[in-house]
PDB file of N, CA and C in Angstrom:
ATOM      1  N   MET A   1      34.132   2.677   1.597  1.00  0.00           N
ATOM      2  CA  MET A   1      33.160   2.787   0.558  1.00  0.00           C
ATOM      3  C   MET A   1      32.489   4.146   0.605  1.00  0.00           C
ATOM      4  N   ALA A   2      32.314   4.721  -0.538  1.00  0.00           N
ATOM      5  CA  ALA A   2      31.664   6.022  -0.622  1.00  0.00           C
ATOM      6  C   ALA A   2      30.143   5.853  -0.670  1.00  0.00           C
ATOM      7  N   ARG A   3      29.478   6.745   0.009  1.00  0.00           N
ATOM      8  CA  ARG A   3      28.023   6.757  -0.025  1.00  0.00           C
ATOM      9  C   ARG A   3      27.554   7.927  -0.866  1.00  0.00           C
ATOM     10  N   PRO A   4      26.505   7.754  -1.635  1.00  0.00           N
ATOM     11  CA  PRO A   4      26.019   8.868  -2.449  1.00  0.00           C
ATOM     12  C   PRO A   4      25.457   9.962  -1.544  1.00  0.00           C
ATOM     13  N   THR A   5      25.770  11.204  -1.876  1.00  0.00           N
ATOM     14  CA  THR A   5      25.312  12.321  -1.061  1.00  0.00           C
ATOM     15  C   THR A   5      24.150  13.053  -1.703  1.00  0.00           C
ATOM     16  N   ALA A   6      23.786  12.667  -2.905  1.00  0.00           N
ATOM     17  CA  ALA A   6      22.657  13.310  -3.565  1.00  0.00           C
ATOM     18  C   ALA A   6      21.363  12.928  -2.856  1.00  0.00           C
ATOM     19  N   PRO A   7      20.397  13.826  -2.825  1.00  0.00           N
ATOM     20  CA  PRO A   7      19.138  13.463  -2.183  1.00  0.00           C
ATOM     21  C   PRO A   7      18.452  12.326  -2.933  1.00  0.00           C
ATOM     22  N   CYS A   8      17.950  11.366  -2.190  1.00  0.00           N
ATOM     23  CA  CYS A   8      17.260  10.260  -2.833  1.00  0.00           C
ATOM     24  C   CYS A   8      15.927  10.056  -2.125  1.00  0.00           C
ATOM     25  N   CYS A   9      14.989   9.542  -2.856  1.00  0.00           N
ATOM     26  CA  CYS A   9      13.649   9.296  -2.336  1.00  0.00           C
ATOM     27  C   CYS A   9      13.391   7.799  -2.386  1.00  0.00           C
ATOM     28  N   GLU A  10      13.077   7.227  -1.249  1.00  0.00           N
ATOM     29  CA  GLU A  10      12.761   5.807  -1.242  1.00  0.00           C
ATOM     30  C   GLU A  10      11.422   5.600  -1.934  1.00  0.00           C
ATOM     31  N   ILE A  11      11.297   4.472  -2.590  1.00  0.00           N
ATOM     32  CA  ILE A  11      10.048   4.181  -3.284  1.00  0.00           C
ATOM     33  C   ILE A  11       9.458   2.892  -2.731  1.00  0.00           C
ATOM     34  N   ARG A  12       8.154   2.826  -2.709  1.00  0.00           N
ATOM     35  CA  ARG A  12       7.443   1.704  -2.119  1.00  0.00           C
ATOM     36  C   ARG A  12       6.249   1.317  -2.980  1.00  0.00           C
ATOM     37  N   PHE A  13       5.638   0.189  -2.632  1.00  0.00           N
ATOM     38  CA  PHE A  13       4.380  -0.255  -3.207  1.00  0.00           C
ATOM     39  C   PHE A  13       3.300  -0.090  -2.147  1.00  0.00           C
ATOM     40  N   LEU A  14       2.067   0.190  -2.571  1.00  0.00           N
ATOM     41  CA  LEU A  14       0.950   0.313  -1.646  1.00  0.00           C
ATOM     42  C   LEU A  14      -0.097  -0.719  -2.046  1.00  0.00           C
ATOM     43  N   VAL A  15      -0.511  -1.560  -1.099  1.00  0.00           N
ATOM     44  CA  VAL A  15      -1.461  -2.623  -1.366  1.00  0.00           C
ATOM     45  C   VAL A  15      -2.592  -2.533  -0.354  1.00  0.00           C
ATOM     46  N   LEU A  16      -3.821  -2.664  -0.832  1.00  0.00           N
ATOM     47  CA  LEU A  16      -5.016  -2.644   0.017  1.00  0.00           C
ATOM     48  C   LEU A  16      -5.600  -4.046   0.050  1.00  0.00           C
ATOM     49  N   HIS A  17      -5.727  -4.632   1.247  1.00  0.00           N
ATOM     50  CA  HIS A  17      -6.311  -5.957   1.428  1.00  0.00           C
ATOM     51  C   HIS A  17      -7.748  -5.766   1.917  1.00  0.00           C
ATOM     52  N   THR A  18      -8.706  -6.330   1.190  1.00  0.00           N
ATOM     53  CA  THR A  18     -10.110  -6.218   1.573  1.00  0.00           C
ATOM     54  C   THR A  18     -10.648  -7.594   1.947  1.00  0.00           C
ATOM     55  N   TYR A  19     -11.373  -7.652   3.046  1.00  0.00           N
ATOM     56  CA  TYR A  19     -11.960  -8.896   3.536  1.00  0.00           C
ATOM     57  C   TYR A  19     -13.471  -8.819   3.348  1.00  0.00           C
ATOM     58  N   PRO A  20     -14.026  -9.466   2.297  1.00  0.00           N
ATOM     59  CA  PRO A  20     -15.458  -9.361   2.016  1.00  0.00           C
ATOM     60  C   PRO A  20     -16.353  -9.917   3.135  1.00  0.00           C
ATOM     61  N   ASP A  21     -15.875 -10.968   3.839  1.00  0.00           N
ATOM     62  CA  ASP A  21     -16.661 -11.542   4.928  1.00  0.00           C
ATOM     63  C   ASP A  21     -16.545 -10.710   6.208  1.00  0.00           C
ATOM     64  N   GLY A  22     -15.574  -9.822   6.254  1.00  0.00           N
ATOM     65  CA  GLY A  22     -15.360  -9.009   7.451  1.00  0.00           C
ATOM     66  C   GLY A  22     -14.501  -9.692   8.497  1.00  0.00           C
ATOM     67  N   ILE A  23     -14.009 -10.880   8.204  1.00  0.00           N
ATOM     68  CA  ILE A  23     -13.197 -11.634   9.169  1.00  0.00           C
ATOM     69  C   ILE A  23     -11.744 -11.632   8.711  1.00  0.00           C
ATOM     70  N   LYS A  24     -10.879 -11.056   9.526  1.00  0.00           N
ATOM     71  CA  LYS A  24      -9.447 -11.005   9.210  1.00  0.00           C
ATOM     72  C   LYS A  24      -8.746 -12.169   9.904  1.00  0.00           C
ATOM     73  N   ALA A  25      -8.884 -13.357   9.367  1.00  0.00           N
ATOM     74  CA  ALA A  25      -8.269 -14.539   9.952  1.00  0.00           C
ATOM     75  C   ALA A  25      -7.772 -15.452   8.849  1.00  0.00           C
ATOM     76  N   TYR A  26      -6.894 -16.359   9.231  1.00  0.00           N
ATOM     77  CA  TYR A  26      -6.330 -17.310   8.286  1.00  0.00           C
ATOM     78  C   TYR A  26      -7.457 -18.180   7.708  1.00  0.00           C
ATOM     79  N   GLY A  27      -7.410 -18.388   6.403  1.00  0.00           N
ATOM     80  CA  GLY A  27      -8.374 -19.248   5.757  1.00  0.00           C
ATOM     81  C   GLY A  27      -9.591 -18.529   5.185  1.00  0.00           C
ATOM     82  N   HIS A  28      -9.759 -17.255   5.520  1.00  0.00           N
ATOM     83  CA  HIS A  28     -10.877 -16.494   4.978  1.00  0.00           C
ATOM     84  C   HIS A  28     -10.439 -15.754   3.724  1.00  0.00           C
ATOM     85  N   GLU A  29     -11.401 -15.445   2.881  1.00  0.00           N
ATOM     86  CA  GLU A  29     -11.111 -14.807   1.601  1.00  0.00           C
ATOM     87  C   GLU A  29     -10.542 -13.400   1.802  1.00  0.00           C
ATOM     88  N   ARG A  30      -9.529 -13.072   0.991  1.00  0.00           N
ATOM     89  CA  ARG A  30      -8.914 -11.752   1.020  1.00  0.00           C
ATOM     90  C   ARG A  30      -8.699 -11.303  -0.415  1.00  0.00           C
ATOM     91  N   ILE A  31      -9.111 -10.097  -0.736  1.00  0.00           N
ATOM     92  CA  ILE A  31      -8.913  -9.531  -2.066  1.00  0.00           C
ATOM     93  C   ILE A  31      -7.786  -8.498  -1.951  1.00  0.00           C
ATOM     94  N   THR A  32      -6.738  -8.681  -2.737  1.00  0.00           N
ATOM     95  CA  THR A  32      -5.582  -7.785  -2.724  1.00  0.00           C
ATOM     96  C   THR A  32      -5.651  -6.871  -3.922  1.00  0.00           C
ATOM     97  N   THR A  33      -5.610  -5.554  -3.649  1.00  0.00           N
ATOM     98  CA  THR A  33      -5.713  -4.551  -4.698  1.00  0.00           C
ATOM     99  C   THR A  33      -4.514  -3.616  -4.626  1.00  0.00           C
ATOM    100  N   PRO A  34      -3.663  -3.577  -5.662  1.00  0.00           N
ATOM    101  CA  PRO A  34      -2.575  -2.599  -5.675  1.00  0.00           C
ATOM    102  C   PRO A  34      -3.126  -1.196  -5.920  1.00  0.00           C
ATOM    103  N   ILE A  35      -2.529  -0.212  -5.277  1.00  0.00           N
ATOM    104  CA  ILE A  35      -2.950   1.175  -5.388  1.00  0.00           C
ATOM    105  C   ILE A  35      -1.852   1.964  -6.104  1.00  0.00           C
ATOM    106  N   GLY A  36      -2.260   2.837  -7.027  1.00  0.00           N
ATOM    107  CA  GLY A  36      -1.309   3.641  -7.805  1.00  0.00           C
ATOM    108  C   GLY A  36      -0.974   4.968  -7.153  1.00  0.00           C
ATOM    109  N   ARG A  37      -0.268   5.813  -7.865  1.00  0.00           N
ATOM    110  CA  ARG A  37       0.201   7.098  -7.337  1.00  0.00           C
ATOM    111  C   ARG A  37      -0.917   8.060  -6.960  1.00  0.00           C
ATOM    112  N   ARG A  38      -2.037   7.969  -7.659  1.00  0.00           N
ATOM    113  CA  ARG A  38      -3.138   8.899  -7.394  1.00  0.00           C
ATOM    114  C   ARG A  38      -4.171   8.332  -6.432  1.00  0.00           C
ATOM    115  N   GLY A  39      -3.880   7.181  -5.835  1.00  0.00           N
ATOM    116  CA  GLY A  39      -4.793   6.579  -4.884  1.00  0.00           C
ATOM    117  C   GLY A  39      -5.891   5.754  -5.514  1.00  0.00           C
ATOM    118  N   LYS A  40      -5.758   5.455  -6.787  1.00  0.00           N
ATOM    119  CA  LYS A  40      -6.747   4.638  -7.513  1.00  0.00           C
ATOM    120  C   LYS A  40      -6.228   3.213  -7.670  1.00  0.00           C
ATOM    121  N   PRO A  41      -7.119   2.223  -7.694  1.00  0.00           N
ATOM    122  CA  PRO A  41      -6.687   0.834  -7.929  1.00  0.00           C
ATOM    123  C   PRO A  41      -6.078   0.680  -9.324  1.00  0.00           C
ATOM    124  N   VAL A  42      -5.018  -0.102  -9.415  1.00  0.00           N
ATOM    125  CA  VAL A  42      -4.347  -0.392 -10.682  1.00  0.00           C
ATOM    126  C   VAL A  42      -4.235  -1.906 -10.835  1.00  0.00           C
ATOM    127  N   LYS A  43      -3.847  -2.372 -12.029  1.00  0.00           N
ATOM    128  CA  LYS A  43      -3.790  -3.809 -12.295  1.00  0.00           C
ATOM    129  C   LYS A  43      -2.533  -4.480 -11.749  1.00  0.00           C
ATOM    130  N   LYS A  44      -1.404  -3.759 -11.728  1.00  0.00           N
ATOM    131  CA  LYS A  44      -0.174  -4.349 -11.205  1.00  0.00           C
ATOM    132  C   LYS A  44       0.486  -3.349 -10.261  1.00  0.00           C
ATOM    133  N   LEU A  45       1.452  -3.832  -9.482  1.00  0.00           N
ATOM    134  CA  LEU A  45       2.122  -2.984  -8.500  1.00  0.00           C
ATOM    135  C   LEU A  45       2.841  -1.823  -9.186  1.00  0.00           C
ATOM    136  N   ARG A  46       2.701  -0.639  -8.627  1.00  0.00           N
ATOM    137  CA  ARG A  46       3.368   0.556  -9.126  1.00  0.00           C
ATOM    138  C   ARG A  46       4.228   1.146  -8.017  1.00  0.00           C
ATOM    139  N   LEU A  47       5.392   1.635  -8.398  1.00  0.00           N
ATOM    140  CA  LEU A  47       6.272   2.272  -7.428  1.00  0.00           C
ATOM    141  C   LEU A  47       5.772   3.671  -7.113  1.00  0.00           C
ATOM    142  N   ILE A  48       5.762   4.012  -5.807  1.00  0.00           N
ATOM    143  CA  ILE A  48       5.285   5.300  -5.329  1.00  0.00           C
ATOM    144  C   ILE A  48       6.361   5.853  -4.398  1.00  0.00           C
ATOM    145  N   PRO A  49       6.582   7.165  -4.380  1.00  0.00           N
ATOM    146  CA  PRO A  49       7.503   7.731  -3.380  1.00  0.00           C
ATOM    147  C   PRO A  49       7.019   7.389  -1.973  1.00  0.00           C
ATOM    148  N   ALA A  50       7.944   7.046  -1.100  1.00  0.00           N
ATOM    149  CA  ALA A  50       7.607   6.566   0.241  1.00  0.00           C
ATOM    150  C   ALA A  50       6.716   7.554   1.008  1.00  0.00           C
ATOM    151  N   GLU A  51       7.003   8.809   0.925  1.00  0.00           N
ATOM    152  CA  GLU A  51       6.227   9.817   1.658  1.00  0.00           C
ATOM    153  C   GLU A  51       4.762   9.796   1.226  1.00  0.00           C
ATOM    154  N   SER A  52       4.515   9.696  -0.068  1.00  0.00           N
ATOM    155  CA  SER A  52       3.140   9.630  -0.577  1.00  0.00           C
ATOM    156  C   SER A  52       2.463   8.314  -0.213  1.00  0.00           C
ATOM    157  N   ALA A  53       3.229   7.222  -0.249  1.00  0.00           N
ATOM    158  CA  ALA A  53       2.667   5.911   0.068  1.00  0.00           C
ATOM    159  C   ALA A  53       2.188   5.862   1.521  1.00  0.00           C
ATOM    160  N   TYR A  54       2.978   6.398   2.440  1.00  0.00           N
ATOM    161  CA  TYR A  54       2.582   6.387   3.849  1.00  0.00           C
ATOM    162  C   TYR A  54       1.419   7.343   4.111  1.00  0.00           C
ATOM    163  N   ALA A  55       1.366   8.458   3.387  1.00  0.00           N
ATOM    164  CA  ALA A  55       0.238   9.382   3.531  1.00  0.00           C
ATOM    165  C   ALA A  55      -1.064   8.721   3.056  1.00  0.00           C
ATOM    166  N   MET A  56      -1.010   8.035   1.919  1.00  0.00           N
ATOM    167  CA  MET A  56      -2.209   7.347   1.423  1.00  0.00           C
ATOM    168  C   MET A  56      -2.596   6.194   2.335  1.00  0.00           C
ATOM    169  N   ALA A  57      -1.612   5.511   2.919  1.00  0.00           N
ATOM    170  CA  ALA A  57      -1.914   4.416   3.831  1.00  0.00           C
ATOM    171  C   ALA A  57      -2.676   4.923   5.063  1.00  0.00           C
ATOM    172  N   ARG A  58      -2.293   6.083   5.574  1.00  0.00           N
ATOM    173  CA  ARG A  58      -3.026   6.670   6.701  1.00  0.00           C
ATOM    174  C   ARG A  58      -4.452   7.001   6.300  1.00  0.00           C
ATOM    175  N   TYR A  59      -4.660   7.413   5.052  1.00  0.00           N
ATOM    176  CA  TYR A  59      -5.996   7.729   4.559  1.00  0.00           C
ATOM    177  C   TYR A  59      -6.866   6.488   4.468  1.00  0.00           C
ATOM    178  N   PHE A  60      -6.308   5.391   3.962  1.00  0.00           N
ATOM    179  CA  PHE A  60      -7.070   4.164   3.748  1.00  0.00           C
ATOM    180  C   PHE A  60      -7.261   3.328   5.012  1.00  0.00           C
ATOM    181  N   GLN A  61      -6.470   3.530   6.058  1.00  0.00           N
ATOM    182  CA  GLN A  61      -6.477   2.614   7.186  1.00  0.00           C
ATOM    183  C   GLN A  61      -7.757   2.651   8.022  1.00  0.00           C
ATOM    184  N   GLY A  62      -8.574   3.655   7.929  1.00  0.00           N
ATOM    185  CA  GLY A  62      -9.771   3.728   8.738  1.00  0.00           C
ATOM    186  C   GLY A  62     -10.970   2.966   8.184  1.00  0.00           C
ATOM    187  N   ARG A  63     -10.851   2.419   6.990  1.00  0.00           N
ATOM    188  CA  ARG A  63     -11.981   1.716   6.387  1.00  0.00           C
ATOM    189  C   ARG A  63     -12.214   0.372   7.047  1.00  0.00           C
ATOM    190  N   LYS A  64     -13.487   0.039   7.244  1.00  0.00           N
ATOM    191  CA  LYS A  64     -13.832  -1.215   7.907  1.00  0.00           C
ATOM    192  C   LYS A  64     -13.609  -2.401   6.961  1.00  0.00           C
ATOM    193  N   GLY A  65     -13.031  -3.463   7.486  1.00  0.00           N
ATOM    194  CA  GLY A  65     -12.806  -4.671   6.706  1.00  0.00           C
ATOM    195  C   GLY A  65     -11.621  -4.603   5.766  1.00  0.00           C
ATOM    196  N   THR A  66     -10.688  -3.677   6.016  1.00  0.00           N
ATOM    197  CA  THR A  66      -9.518  -3.551   5.143  1.00  0.00           C
ATOM    198  C   THR A  66      -8.235  -3.477   5.971  1.00  0.00           C
ATOM    199  N   THR A  67      -7.154  -3.833   5.340  1.00  0.00           N
ATOM    200  CA  THR A  67      -5.819  -3.676   5.881  1.00  0.00           C
ATOM    201  C   THR A  67      -4.951  -3.064   4.798  1.00  0.00           C
ATOM    202  N   VAL A  68      -4.047  -2.168   5.175  1.00  0.00           N
ATOM    203  CA  VAL A  68      -3.192  -1.489   4.198  1.00  0.00           C
ATOM    204  C   VAL A  68      -1.745  -1.935   4.439  1.00  0.00           C
ATOM    205  N   SER A  69      -1.034  -2.255   3.349  1.00  0.00           N
ATOM    206  CA  SER A  69       0.367  -2.650   3.427  1.00  0.00           C
ATOM    207  C   SER A  69       1.203  -1.741   2.559  1.00  0.00           C
ATOM    208  N   VAL A  70       2.297  -1.231   3.126  1.00  0.00           N
ATOM    209  CA  VAL A  70       3.290  -0.485   2.347  1.00  0.00           C
ATOM    210  C   VAL A  70       4.499  -1.394   2.270  1.00  0.00           C
ATOM    211  N   ILE A  71       4.790  -1.881   1.067  1.00  0.00           N
ATOM    212  CA  ILE A  71       5.850  -2.861   0.864  1.00  0.00           C
ATOM    213  C   ILE A  71       7.076  -2.167   0.307  1.00  0.00           C
TER     214      ILE A  71
END
């Protein structure tokens, strides 16, 4: 089987999980917010180049009461 040799960029989704109570455990409320290409919240999942998604995830990961997922 032939593999494509053209450069390709993997694309991902970036999701920010916020815990209003501050407790990251099963059964507690979690608000899931998809993040767009410019780092702003959007209404539905948007595809982002993997390199940008991981860079934004590193930026968001230091916030208290949040978890960042790159899907």
